[in-house]
Each structure stands twice: as C-alpha cells, then as structure tokens.
Amino acid sequence: ADQILVATGRQGNTENLNLKSNGIDTKGRNYIPVDETMRTNTPNIFAAGDILGERQFVYTAAYEGKIAAENAMRASHGKADFSVLPWVIFTDPQVAGVGMDEQQAEEEGVNYQATKLTLDNVTRSIAARDTRGYIKLIRNKDNDRLIGARILAPEGSELLMELALAIRHGVSIQSLKSEFHPYLTLSEGIKLAALTFDKDVKKLSCCAV
C-alpha cells in the first residue's frame, strides 16, 4: 500500500448538553450509558444510536431509536435484543459475521465445532473468477445448532440474513444442509460449508447432498 490510515476511534459529542445537571454521568469517551430499554439513569431521559458508544451501525441506531421513542411516549418497557447481530466491514473482499466466534464460544463454555469452506469450492465464485476468501460456520455439537458464522468473500454480506435467521430460530446444521440452495449462487456456499462438518466437499459431485 502507498498510504495507511490509522483510525483512533470515535467519541461522543456531549460536552455541551449539560448532562450532569440532569443527573446523567457519561462514560468513557463522553458516551451516554443506558439500560436495555434505552433509558438513562434519569428515568425520563432516553438515548439511542452512536451516542451510546456500543453498536455504531445505522440499522441498530434506528432499532434503538424506535425502542426509546415507544418507551418514552407510551410508558412501555420494550427491551433491545442484540443476541443475533449481523455486521459487515465493506472491504474488498467483505468481512462479515453474526453470532459467536470460536473464542466467544470457548468463553461461554459451549461444546462447539467450527468448519471453514474456501471459496475455490463454490461454483459461483469460480464462475466469477474470484475465489478469495471463505465461509466459516460454528455449531453447538450438543444439539447441532448453528451458533455463529464468519465470512470473507466478495459480496459475502449477502449471505448474512440466512445465517442470522438460522441462529435466532435454532436451525440445525442438518436443516441447512437439507434446504434447497440454487446452483450457481453464492448462497450455495452455505450448504457446502454445512456439509464440511462431516464430509470432504472436494470429493462430492455437483449438487451432492
């Protein structure tokens, strides 16, 4: 590379909001702490979005804003659930993920197994002449359920929602293997990756199950 950009991080722009006079103490980098209902430690003040300093994505900010508005205006107690949060880094190839990685599974004491399928095994990637990257799936060996995925692939983020729904709804690896994944799509890589838990896909014929 000819140039390197070093990003030192973001910080909240809260210095002029006079928060302390309202009983709100900011945390590191001037961010506003809230609970699961987006409520600050002052019951009638809510916050959402990047100012929380946690999940700084457009879609999470919109989700948090909806919860904050409903709780503030309707005196309800809706809670945010980020247990299954897909994320993307738009590099080339893209880096994407959802659910746990191996280290997180280890820390949670999960009896996990991970498998990785390189894109030179995915027909769509071969046809596109771009086999950079891989699809990694992580399952709970005790119940065969998908618990996490990491993807490095051109347009790999387009695979996230199938995986996110599978994790949220407790879909097993066996179910992923049995679903129809159209031939010559990148999503076929999900099925092939699922097959690699107990098979060598290099030895399988096209569309094998």
Protein backbone atom coordinates (compact mmCIF):
# COMPACT_ATOMS: atom_id res chain seq x y z
CA ALA A 1 0.00 0.00 0.00
CA ASP A 2 1.11 3.57 -0.64
CA GLN A 3 -0.85 5.04 2.25
CA ILE A 4 -2.07 3.78 5.61
CA LEU A 5 -5.00 5.29 7.52
CA VAL A 6 -4.93 4.89 11.29
CA ALA A 7 -8.36 5.37 12.90
CA THR A 8 -8.03 6.11 16.61
CA GLY A 9 -11.72 5.79 17.42
CA ARG A 10 -14.79 7.92 17.93
CA GLN A 11 -16.08 9.87 20.89
CA GLY A 12 -19.44 11.25 21.91
CA ASN A 13 -20.27 14.89 21.25
CA THR A 14 -21.97 15.52 24.60
CA GLU A 15 -19.85 18.20 26.25
CA ASN A 16 -22.39 20.98 25.67
CA LEU A 17 -25.55 19.05 26.63
CA ASN A 18 -25.27 19.88 30.33
CA LEU A 19 -25.95 16.25 31.19
CA LYS A 20 -24.62 16.33 34.74
CA SER A 21 -27.22 18.90 35.75
CA ASN A 22 -29.82 16.35 34.67
CA GLY A 23 -28.23 13.59 36.69
CA ILE A 24 -26.52 11.81 33.80
CA ASP A 25 -22.84 10.89 34.07
CA THR A 26 -21.22 9.99 30.76
CA LYS A 27 -18.87 7.05 30.47
CA GLY A 28 -15.58 6.76 28.59
CA ARG A 29 -15.24 8.98 25.51
CA ASN A 30 -18.32 11.01 26.53
CA TYR A 31 -20.85 8.31 25.70
CA ILE A 32 -24.25 8.06 27.41
CA PRO A 33 -24.99 4.84 29.35
CA VAL A 34 -28.48 3.33 29.07
CA ASP A 35 -30.24 0.14 30.11
CA GLU A 36 -31.98 -2.37 27.81
CA THR A 37 -34.95 -0.02 27.45
CA MET A 38 -32.70 2.83 26.22
CA ARG A 39 -33.39 4.69 29.46
CA THR A 40 -30.61 6.63 31.17
CA ASN A 41 -30.25 6.72 34.94
CA THR A 42 -32.62 9.71 34.80
CA PRO A 43 -35.97 7.91 34.19
CA ASN A 44 -37.48 10.44 31.77
CA ILE A 45 -34.39 10.77 29.55
CA PHE A 46 -33.61 8.24 26.82
CA ALA A 47 -30.74 7.90 24.36
CA ALA A 48 -30.11 5.85 21.23
CA GLY A 49 -27.66 5.45 18.40
CA ASP A 50 -23.96 6.23 18.12
CA ILE A 51 -24.03 8.32 21.31
CA LEU A 52 -24.24 5.06 23.28
CA GLY A 53 -20.76 4.14 22.02
CA GLU A 54 -21.55 0.46 21.52
CA ARG A 55 -23.06 -0.78 18.24
CA GLN A 56 -22.44 2.14 15.89
CA PHE A 57 -24.46 0.99 12.89
CA VAL A 58 -27.29 2.75 11.04
CA TYR A 59 -29.67 -0.18 11.49
CA THR A 60 -29.01 -0.58 15.22
CA ALA A 61 -29.46 3.17 15.75
CA ALA A 62 -32.86 3.02 14.05
CA TYR A 63 -33.81 -0.01 16.16
CA GLU A 64 -32.72 1.66 19.38
CA GLY A 65 -34.48 4.89 18.42
CA LYS A 66 -37.75 3.03 17.90
CA ILE A 67 -37.50 1.38 21.32
CA ALA A 68 -36.56 4.67 23.00
CA ALA A 69 -39.45 6.55 21.36
CA GLU A 70 -42.04 3.91 22.22
CA ASN A 71 -40.86 3.63 25.80
CA ALA A 72 -40.77 7.39 26.23
CA MET A 73 -44.11 8.20 24.61
CA ARG A 74 -46.13 5.17 25.70
CA ALA A 75 -44.55 4.49 29.08
CA SER A 76 -43.81 0.97 27.84
CA HIS A 77 -40.80 -1.16 28.74
CA GLY A 78 -39.62 -2.70 25.50
CA LYS A 79 -36.09 -4.09 25.61
CA ALA A 80 -33.38 -4.21 22.97
CA ASP A 81 -32.18 -7.65 21.94
CA PHE A 82 -28.78 -7.80 20.25
CA SER A 83 -28.21 -11.51 20.76
CA VAL A 84 -28.14 -12.07 16.97
CA LEU A 85 -26.50 -9.04 15.37
CA PRO A 86 -25.12 -9.31 11.82
CA TRP A 87 -22.27 -6.94 10.93
CA VAL A 88 -20.22 -6.09 7.86
CA ILE A 89 -16.90 -4.42 7.09
CA PHE A 90 -17.09 -3.22 3.48
CA THR A 91 -13.54 -4.00 2.46
CA ASP A 92 -12.73 -5.95 -0.69
CA PRO A 93 -13.39 -8.77 -0.11
CA GLN A 94 -16.02 -8.03 2.55
CA VAL A 95 -15.67 -9.25 6.12
CA ALA A 96 -18.97 -10.21 7.74
CA GLY A 97 -20.23 -12.12 10.72
CA VAL A 98 -23.10 -12.99 13.02
CA GLY A 99 -23.27 -14.84 16.31
CA MET A 100 -20.30 -16.26 18.18
CA ASP A 101 -16.76 -16.85 17.03
CA GLU A 102 -14.59 -19.64 18.44
CA GLN A 103 -13.15 -17.55 21.25
CA GLN A 104 -16.60 -16.42 22.40
CA ALA A 105 -17.91 -19.99 22.28
CA GLU A 106 -14.92 -21.11 24.33
CA GLU A 107 -15.53 -18.38 26.90
CA GLU A 108 -19.22 -19.35 27.13
CA GLY A 109 -18.32 -22.98 27.72
CA VAL A 110 -20.06 -24.17 24.56
CA ASN A 111 -19.11 -27.57 23.15
CA TYR A 112 -18.52 -26.13 19.69
CA GLN A 113 -17.13 -27.20 16.34
CA ALA A 114 -16.01 -24.88 13.55
CA THR A 115 -15.57 -25.62 9.87
CA LYS A 116 -14.24 -23.47 7.03
CA LEU A 117 -15.01 -23.71 3.33
CA THR A 118 -12.71 -21.82 0.98
CA LEU A 119 -14.41 -20.17 -1.99
CA ASP A 120 -12.50 -22.24 -4.53
CA ASN A 121 -15.10 -24.91 -3.65
CA VAL A 122 -18.07 -22.65 -4.54
CA THR A 123 -19.07 -22.80 -8.20
CA ARG A 124 -20.41 -19.24 -8.26
CA SER A 125 -17.06 -17.91 -7.07
CA ILE A 126 -15.22 -19.99 -9.65
CA ALA A 127 -17.52 -18.73 -12.42
CA ALA A 128 -16.98 -15.14 -11.26
CA ARG A 129 -13.21 -15.77 -11.30
CA ASP A 130 -12.86 -14.52 -7.76
CA THR A 131 -12.26 -17.23 -5.19
CA ARG A 132 -10.76 -15.03 -2.49
CA GLY A 133 -11.97 -15.86 0.99
CA TYR A 134 -14.01 -18.46 2.85
CA ILE A 135 -17.21 -19.23 4.75
CA LYS A 136 -16.80 -20.38 8.34
CA LEU A 137 -19.65 -21.91 10.33
CA ILE A 138 -19.67 -22.68 14.06
CA ARG A 139 -22.12 -25.12 15.62
CA ASN A 140 -23.02 -26.40 19.06
CA LYS A 141 -22.05 -30.06 18.93
CA ASP A 142 -24.55 -30.96 21.65
CA ASN A 143 -27.61 -30.02 19.60
CA ASP A 144 -26.20 -29.41 16.07
CA ARG A 145 -27.48 -25.82 16.08
CA LEU A 146 -25.67 -23.04 14.26
CA ILE A 147 -24.30 -20.51 16.76
CA GLY A 148 -22.02 -18.35 14.64
CA ALA A 149 -20.58 -17.57 11.22
CA ARG A 150 -17.72 -15.55 9.77
CA ILE A 151 -17.42 -14.73 6.07
CA LEU A 152 -14.60 -13.33 3.99
CA ALA A 153 -15.87 -13.01 0.43
CA PRO A 154 -16.74 -10.57 -2.36
CA GLU A 155 -20.37 -9.59 -1.56
CA GLY A 156 -20.23 -12.06 1.31
CA SER A 157 -22.53 -9.86 3.40
CA GLU A 158 -25.44 -11.00 1.22
CA LEU A 159 -25.23 -14.37 2.97
CA LEU A 160 -25.76 -12.97 6.47
CA MET A 161 -29.53 -12.96 6.78
CA GLU A 162 -29.99 -16.69 6.16
CA LEU A 163 -27.40 -17.33 8.85
CA ALA A 164 -28.86 -14.76 11.26
CA LEU A 165 -32.34 -16.29 10.97
CA ALA A 166 -30.88 -19.77 11.42
CA ILE A 167 -29.19 -18.72 14.67
CA ARG A 168 -32.21 -16.82 16.01
CA HIS A 169 -34.61 -19.68 15.36
CA GLY A 170 -32.35 -22.52 16.43
CA VAL A 171 -31.93 -24.07 12.99
CA SER A 172 -29.68 -27.10 12.92
CA ILE A 173 -26.79 -27.73 10.56
CA GLN A 174 -28.71 -30.73 9.26
CA SER A 175 -31.57 -28.42 8.28
CA LEU A 176 -29.19 -26.05 6.48
CA LYS A 177 -27.83 -29.00 4.52
CA SER A 178 -31.30 -30.20 3.54
CA GLU A 179 -32.64 -26.86 2.24
CA PHE A 180 -32.57 -26.08 -1.49
CA HIS A 181 -29.75 -23.70 -2.37
CA PRO A 182 -29.88 -22.87 -6.10
CA TYR A 183 -26.89 -24.00 -8.10
CA LEU A 184 -24.53 -21.24 -9.20
CA THR A 185 -25.43 -18.86 -6.39
CA LEU A 186 -23.11 -17.71 -3.64
CA SER A 187 -25.64 -18.96 -1.09
CA GLU A 188 -24.86 -22.50 -2.22
CA GLY A 189 -21.67 -21.96 -0.26
CA ILE A 190 -23.73 -22.04 2.95
CA LYS A 191 -24.92 -25.55 2.17
CA LEU A 192 -21.44 -26.67 1.15
CA ALA A 193 -19.96 -25.21 4.33
CA ALA A 194 -22.57 -27.07 6.37
CA LEU A 195 -21.64 -30.29 4.58
CA THR A 196 -17.98 -29.87 5.55
CA PHE A 197 -18.77 -30.65 9.19
CA ASP A 198 -18.73 -34.34 8.29
CA LYS A 199 -17.77 -34.58 4.61
CA ASP A 200 -14.94 -33.58 2.29
CA VAL A 201 -16.79 -31.49 -0.31
CA LYS A 202 -13.86 -31.81 -2.74
CA LYS A 203 -14.87 -35.46 -3.14
CA LEU A 204 -18.53 -34.73 -3.84
CA SER A 205 -20.12 -34.35 -7.26
CA CYS A 206 -22.05 -31.21 -8.21
CA CYS A 207 -25.13 -30.53 -6.04
CA ALA A 208 -24.41 -33.59 -3.89
CA VAL A 209 -26.20 -33.88 -0.56
